[in-house]
Structures are given as structure tokens and as C-alpha cells.
Amino acid sequence: MSGIVKLRETLHYRILLARSIEYLVSGLMFERLWEASDKDQQAKAQKYIDKFDKPGIQQWMQAHPSLDVEELSVRQLYPIAQRLNILNYSRLPKECLVAAIKKAESDGS
């Protein structure tokens, strides 16, 4: 009996993951980024979708060349700030966080 329970749990998890990816892909932000993408960028996004790689899709969206950091929410800015080693990023208001990210990106280029 425990085998069927494990099977059901696994299936349930995969369905929830697929629904969360569907929600992400059906959003206006993804649609705008998809339309602004070339064939290679679209193929990369398609690969993440086919593999049910939600973090990969999110990374694709956040690293998209046509995306301006001002368009992102504070919650979406946090991983970028963390990656750029911005100190106390969680205490900064959005305007300061955007400015710090832009400065860190320009210093790194």
C-alpha cells in the first residue's frame, strides 16, 4: 500500500509543479519577454519548460536582455542583489535597490 501512496505523492507534486510553471508562462511578463526573444532565447526557455525546470524559467526571465530591473518586483530583485553581493539588500526600498543593482552591474562590466 505504501508504494501507491508514494506514487500518488510524486504525481501530485509533478502536477503542482506543472501548474506553477503554467501560471508563470501564462503571465504578461513571460509573454512580453517571449515576443522580444530571438529563436535561441525561445529555444532555451522551451528547454526549461520541457524539463519542468521552474528555477530555470525564472532565471531566464530575470536574465533576459530586454528586461529592465525597474520592471521587477522587490521580491524578484532580491536574488539579483544577493548574486551581486549588495549588502543589506533586504532593508533597501525598491528605488535604492534598483540603483544599487544598476551600479553593481555597471561596475562589473
Protein backbone atom coordinates (compact mmCIF):
# COMPACT_ATOMS: atom_id res chain seq x y z
CA MET A 1 0.00 0.00 0.00
CA SER A 2 2.85 2.43 0.73
CA GLY A 3 4.02 2.10 -2.90
CA ILE A 4 0.76 3.52 -4.23
CA VAL A 5 0.88 6.35 -1.69
CA LYS A 6 4.38 7.27 -2.83
CA LEU A 7 3.25 7.11 -6.46
CA ARG A 8 0.31 9.42 -5.73
CA GLU A 9 2.52 11.87 -3.81
CA THR A 10 5.01 12.01 -6.68
CA LEU A 11 2.27 12.55 -9.23
CA HIS A 12 0.64 15.22 -7.07
CA TYR A 13 3.97 17.06 -6.74
CA ARG A 14 4.56 16.95 -10.50
CA ILE A 15 1.05 18.27 -11.19
CA LEU A 16 1.56 21.16 -8.76
CA LEU A 17 4.91 21.94 -10.38
CA ALA A 18 3.32 21.89 -13.85
CA ARG A 19 0.55 24.22 -12.67
CA SER A 20 3.04 26.66 -11.16
CA ILE A 21 5.00 26.68 -14.43
CA GLU A 22 1.79 27.19 -16.38
CA TYR A 23 0.94 30.16 -14.15
CA LEU A 24 4.40 31.63 -14.72
CA VAL A 25 4.32 31.11 -18.50
CA SER A 26 0.81 32.50 -18.87
CA GLY A 27 1.80 35.81 -17.28
CA LEU A 28 2.16 39.04 -19.21
CA MET A 29 5.84 39.38 -18.28
CA PHE A 30 6.72 36.00 -19.80
CA GLU A 31 4.68 36.78 -22.90
CA ARG A 32 6.45 40.11 -23.39
CA LEU A 33 9.87 38.52 -22.91
CA TRP A 34 9.00 35.66 -25.26
CA GLU A 35 7.97 38.09 -28.00
CA ALA A 36 11.19 40.08 -27.51
CA SER A 37 13.33 36.93 -27.74
CA ASP A 38 15.21 35.59 -30.70
CA LYS A 39 14.96 31.91 -31.71
CA ASP A 40 17.88 30.86 -29.46
CA GLN A 41 16.38 32.53 -26.39
CA GLN A 42 13.00 30.96 -27.11
CA ALA A 43 14.63 27.54 -27.53
CA LYS A 44 16.37 27.95 -24.17
CA ALA A 45 13.07 28.84 -22.47
CA GLN A 46 11.35 25.91 -24.20
CA LYS A 47 14.05 23.57 -22.89
CA TYR A 48 13.39 24.72 -19.32
CA ILE A 49 9.64 24.28 -19.79
CA ASP A 50 10.06 20.79 -21.26
CA LYS A 51 12.24 19.76 -18.32
CA PHE A 52 9.78 21.25 -15.76
CA ASP A 53 12.64 23.46 -14.55
CA LYS A 54 10.82 26.32 -12.83
CA PRO A 55 14.01 27.89 -11.40
CA GLY A 56 15.48 27.78 -14.90
CA ILE A 57 12.46 29.60 -16.31
CA GLN A 58 12.67 32.21 -13.57
CA GLN A 59 16.40 32.66 -14.21
CA TRP A 60 15.71 33.00 -17.95
CA MET A 61 13.18 35.72 -17.23
CA GLN A 62 15.40 37.61 -14.78
CA ALA A 63 18.45 37.48 -17.04
CA HIS A 64 16.59 38.41 -20.23
CA PRO A 65 18.44 41.16 -22.11
CA SER A 66 15.31 43.18 -22.82
CA LEU A 67 14.25 43.25 -19.16
CA ASP A 68 14.87 46.39 -17.14
CA VAL A 69 15.34 45.87 -13.40
CA GLU A 70 12.87 48.67 -12.72
CA GLU A 71 10.12 46.39 -14.06
CA LEU A 72 10.80 43.71 -11.45
CA SER A 73 9.17 43.48 -8.05
CA VAL A 74 11.24 43.80 -4.89
CA ARG A 75 10.89 40.06 -4.36
CA GLN A 76 12.33 39.43 -7.83
CA LEU A 77 15.17 41.87 -7.18
CA TYR A 78 16.41 40.08 -4.05
CA PRO A 79 18.13 37.14 -5.82
CA ILE A 80 19.84 39.56 -8.19
CA ALA A 81 21.05 41.70 -5.32
CA GLN A 82 22.25 38.63 -3.46
CA ARG A 83 24.16 37.42 -6.51
CA LEU A 84 25.79 40.85 -6.86
CA ASN A 85 26.76 40.84 -3.14
CA ILE A 86 24.84 44.01 -2.29
CA LEU A 87 24.96 44.50 1.47
CA ASN A 88 21.68 44.80 3.41
CA TYR A 89 19.65 44.50 0.21
CA SER A 90 16.57 43.29 2.10
CA ARG A 91 16.40 46.57 4.03
CA LEU A 92 16.55 48.82 0.99
CA PRO A 93 13.45 50.35 -0.58
CA LYS A 94 12.86 49.44 -4.19
CA GLU A 95 14.28 52.66 -5.65
CA CYS A 96 17.55 52.27 -3.72
CA LEU A 97 17.73 48.57 -4.52
CA VAL A 98 17.31 49.24 -8.25
CA ALA A 99 20.01 51.93 -8.09
CA ALA A 100 22.38 49.60 -6.20
CA ILE A 101 21.82 46.80 -8.71
CA LYS A 102 22.42 49.10 -11.67
CA LYS A 103 25.59 50.43 -10.04
CA ALA A 104 26.87 46.94 -9.23
CA GLU A 105 26.14 45.76 -12.78
CA SER A 106 27.89 48.76 -14.34
CA ASP A 107 30.91 48.32 -12.02
CA GLY A 108 31.11 44.67 -13.01
CA SER A 109 31.06 45.33 -16.77
